[in-house]
């Protein structure tokens, strides 16, 4: 899924996918390092997570984020 979303974000250009590691393109929200990377990424952001939906912040449900 991360590869597909990365290609969509880069308008189908695979160079970004090949040159930027997975953990920089779609950092894990559960880790402090991933959270910091995600906040520093340009919008629209790709964020990875395995958290159950019950543990997501309430603000997430009022946002325009796509799941």
N, C-alpha and C. Protein backbone atom coordinates (compact mmCIF):
# COMPACT_ATOMS: atom_id res chain seq x y z
N UNK A 1 0.82 -1.18 0.00
CA UNK A 1 0.00 0.00 0.00
C UNK A 1 0.87 1.26 0.00
N UNK A 2 1.97 1.21 0.75
CA UNK A 2 2.86 2.37 0.81
C UNK A 2 3.43 2.70 -0.57
N UNK A 3 3.78 1.67 -1.32
CA UNK A 3 4.32 1.91 -2.67
C UNK A 3 3.28 2.54 -3.58
N UNK A 4 2.05 2.07 -3.50
CA UNK A 4 0.98 2.63 -4.33
C UNK A 4 0.72 4.08 -3.97
N UNK A 5 0.60 4.36 -2.68
CA UNK A 5 0.36 5.74 -2.25
C UNK A 5 1.53 6.66 -2.60
N UNK A 6 2.74 6.13 -2.51
CA UNK A 6 3.92 6.93 -2.88
C UNK A 6 3.91 7.27 -4.36
N UNK A 7 3.52 6.32 -5.18
CA UNK A 7 3.43 6.59 -6.62
C UNK A 7 2.34 7.60 -6.93
N UNK A 8 1.21 7.50 -6.25
CA UNK A 8 0.13 8.47 -6.46
C UNK A 8 0.61 9.86 -6.06
N UNK A 9 1.27 9.95 -4.93
CA UNK A 9 1.75 11.25 -4.44
C UNK A 9 2.79 11.87 -5.37
N UNK A 10 3.60 11.02 -6.02
CA UNK A 10 4.64 11.53 -6.91
C UNK A 10 4.19 11.55 -8.38
N UNK A 11 2.88 11.49 -8.61
CA UNK A 11 2.31 11.51 -9.96
C UNK A 11 2.86 10.40 -10.85
N UNK A 12 3.10 9.24 -10.26
CA UNK A 12 3.54 8.07 -11.02
C UNK A 12 5.03 8.01 -11.29
N UNK A 13 5.79 8.97 -10.79
CA UNK A 13 7.24 8.98 -11.00
C UNK A 13 7.91 8.07 -9.96
N UNK A 14 8.52 6.95 -10.39
CA UNK A 14 9.11 6.02 -9.42
C UNK A 14 10.43 6.48 -8.82
N UNK A 15 11.00 7.58 -9.29
CA UNK A 15 12.30 8.03 -8.77
C UNK A 15 12.22 8.37 -7.28
N UNK A 16 11.14 9.00 -6.84
CA UNK A 16 10.99 9.33 -5.42
C UNK A 16 10.90 8.05 -4.59
N UNK A 17 10.16 7.07 -5.09
CA UNK A 17 10.01 5.79 -4.38
C UNK A 17 11.35 5.05 -4.28
N UNK A 18 12.15 5.16 -5.30
CA UNK A 18 13.45 4.47 -5.31
C UNK A 18 14.51 5.19 -4.48
N UNK A 19 14.38 6.50 -4.36
CA UNK A 19 15.45 7.26 -3.70
C UNK A 19 15.17 7.56 -2.22
N UNK A 20 13.92 7.47 -1.79
CA UNK A 20 13.58 7.76 -0.39
C UNK A 20 13.16 6.46 0.28
N UNK A 21 13.78 6.10 1.40
CA UNK A 21 13.42 4.85 2.09
C UNK A 21 11.98 4.86 2.61
N UNK A 22 11.43 3.67 2.80
CA UNK A 22 10.05 3.52 3.27
C UNK A 22 9.80 4.30 4.56
N UNK A 23 10.73 4.23 5.51
CA UNK A 23 10.50 4.87 6.81
C UNK A 23 10.47 6.38 6.71
N UNK A 24 10.98 6.96 5.63
CA UNK A 24 10.87 8.41 5.43
C UNK A 24 9.60 8.78 4.68
N UNK A 25 9.18 7.91 3.77
CA UNK A 25 7.96 8.18 2.99
C UNK A 25 6.70 7.98 3.82
N UNK A 26 6.66 6.93 4.63
CA UNK A 26 5.49 6.61 5.44
C UNK A 26 5.90 6.19 6.82
N UNK A 27 6.36 7.13 7.65
CA UNK A 27 6.86 6.77 8.99
C UNK A 27 5.76 6.21 9.88
N UNK A 28 6.18 5.39 10.85
CA UNK A 28 5.25 4.77 11.80
C UNK A 28 4.83 5.79 12.84
N UNK A 29 3.55 5.96 13.01
CA UNK A 29 3.01 6.91 13.97
C UNK A 29 3.28 6.48 15.41
N UNK A 30 3.42 5.17 15.66
CA UNK A 30 3.57 4.65 17.02
C UNK A 30 4.91 4.97 17.67
N UNK A 31 5.91 5.30 16.89
CA UNK A 31 7.24 5.56 17.44
C UNK A 31 7.50 7.06 17.51
N UNK A 32 8.30 7.47 18.46
CA UNK A 32 8.62 8.89 18.59
C UNK A 32 9.36 9.40 17.36
N UNK A 33 10.31 8.61 16.88
CA UNK A 33 11.05 9.01 15.69
C UNK A 33 10.12 9.12 14.48
N UNK A 34 9.22 8.15 14.33
CA UNK A 34 8.27 8.18 13.23
C UNK A 34 7.33 9.37 13.31
N UNK A 35 6.89 9.68 14.52
CA UNK A 35 6.01 10.83 14.72
C UNK A 35 6.72 12.13 14.32
N UNK A 36 7.97 12.25 14.73
CA UNK A 36 8.74 13.46 14.38
C UNK A 36 8.96 13.54 12.87
N UNK A 37 9.25 12.41 12.25
CA UNK A 37 9.45 12.41 10.79
C UNK A 37 8.16 12.78 10.07
N UNK A 38 7.05 12.23 10.54
CA UNK A 38 5.76 12.50 9.90
C UNK A 38 5.42 13.99 9.98
N UNK A 39 5.67 14.60 11.13
CA UNK A 39 5.37 16.02 11.27
C UNK A 39 6.24 16.88 10.37
N UNK A 40 7.45 16.40 10.06
CA UNK A 40 8.36 17.16 9.22
C UNK A 40 8.15 16.94 7.72
N UNK A 41 7.39 15.92 7.36
CA UNK A 41 7.15 15.64 5.94
C UNK A 41 6.20 16.66 5.33
N UNK A 42 6.40 16.89 4.04
CA UNK A 42 5.52 17.82 3.32
C UNK A 42 4.13 17.22 3.19
N UNK A 43 3.16 18.07 3.12
CA UNK A 43 1.77 17.63 2.93
C UNK A 43 1.50 17.39 1.46
N UNK A 44 0.66 16.48 1.10
CA UNK A 44 -0.06 15.54 1.93
C UNK A 44 0.88 14.46 2.45
N UNK A 45 0.73 14.12 3.71
CA UNK A 45 1.61 13.15 4.37
C UNK A 45 1.08 11.74 4.22
N UNK A 46 2.01 10.80 4.18
CA UNK A 46 1.68 9.39 4.24
C UNK A 46 2.19 8.91 5.60
N UNK A 47 1.30 8.35 6.41
CA UNK A 47 1.67 7.89 7.74
C UNK A 47 1.23 6.43 7.89
N UNK A 48 2.11 5.59 8.38
CA UNK A 48 1.79 4.18 8.60
C UNK A 48 1.46 3.95 10.06
N UNK A 49 0.57 2.98 10.32
CA UNK A 49 0.23 2.64 11.69
C UNK A 49 -0.45 1.28 11.73
N UNK A 50 -0.24 0.58 12.84
CA UNK A 50 -0.98 -0.65 13.12
C UNK A 50 -1.84 -0.48 14.36
N UNK A 51 -2.03 0.76 14.80
CA UNK A 51 -2.85 1.02 15.97
C UNK A 51 -4.31 0.67 15.68
N UNK A 52 -5.01 0.10 16.66
CA UNK A 52 -6.45 -0.08 16.48
C UNK A 52 -7.14 1.29 16.47
N UNK A 53 -8.22 1.38 15.78
CA UNK A 53 -8.89 2.67 15.60
C UNK A 53 -9.29 3.29 16.94
N UNK A 54 -9.51 2.49 17.96
CA UNK A 54 -9.89 3.02 19.27
C UNK A 54 -8.77 3.84 19.91
N UNK A 55 -7.52 3.64 19.50
CA UNK A 55 -6.39 4.36 20.09
C UNK A 55 -5.99 5.61 19.31
N UNK A 56 -6.66 5.88 18.21
CA UNK A 56 -6.36 7.08 17.44
C UNK A 56 -6.85 8.31 18.21
N UNK A 57 -6.18 9.44 18.08
CA UNK A 57 -6.63 10.66 18.76
C UNK A 57 -8.00 11.10 18.24
N UNK A 58 -8.78 11.71 19.10
CA UNK A 58 -10.12 12.17 18.69
C UNK A 58 -10.06 13.17 17.54
N UNK A 59 -9.02 13.98 17.51
CA UNK A 59 -8.88 14.98 16.45
C UNK A 59 -8.80 14.33 15.07
N UNK A 60 -8.32 13.10 15.01
CA UNK A 60 -8.21 12.41 13.73
C UNK A 60 -9.57 12.25 13.07
N UNK A 61 -10.59 11.96 13.85
CA UNK A 61 -11.91 11.70 13.30
C UNK A 61 -12.61 12.96 12.81
N UNK A 62 -12.17 14.10 13.25
CA UNK A 62 -12.72 15.36 12.77
C UNK A 62 -11.91 15.96 11.64
N UNK A 63 -10.84 15.30 11.24
CA UNK A 63 -9.96 15.82 10.19
C UNK A 63 -10.40 15.30 8.82
N UNK A 64 -9.71 15.74 7.80
CA UNK A 64 -9.99 15.28 6.44
C UNK A 64 -9.05 14.17 6.01
N UNK A 65 -8.44 13.48 6.98
CA UNK A 65 -7.49 12.40 6.68
C UNK A 65 -8.21 11.24 6.01
N UNK A 66 -7.50 10.57 5.14
CA UNK A 66 -8.04 9.40 4.46
C UNK A 66 -7.42 8.15 5.08
N UNK A 67 -8.22 7.12 5.23
CA UNK A 67 -7.76 5.87 5.84
C UNK A 67 -7.91 4.76 4.82
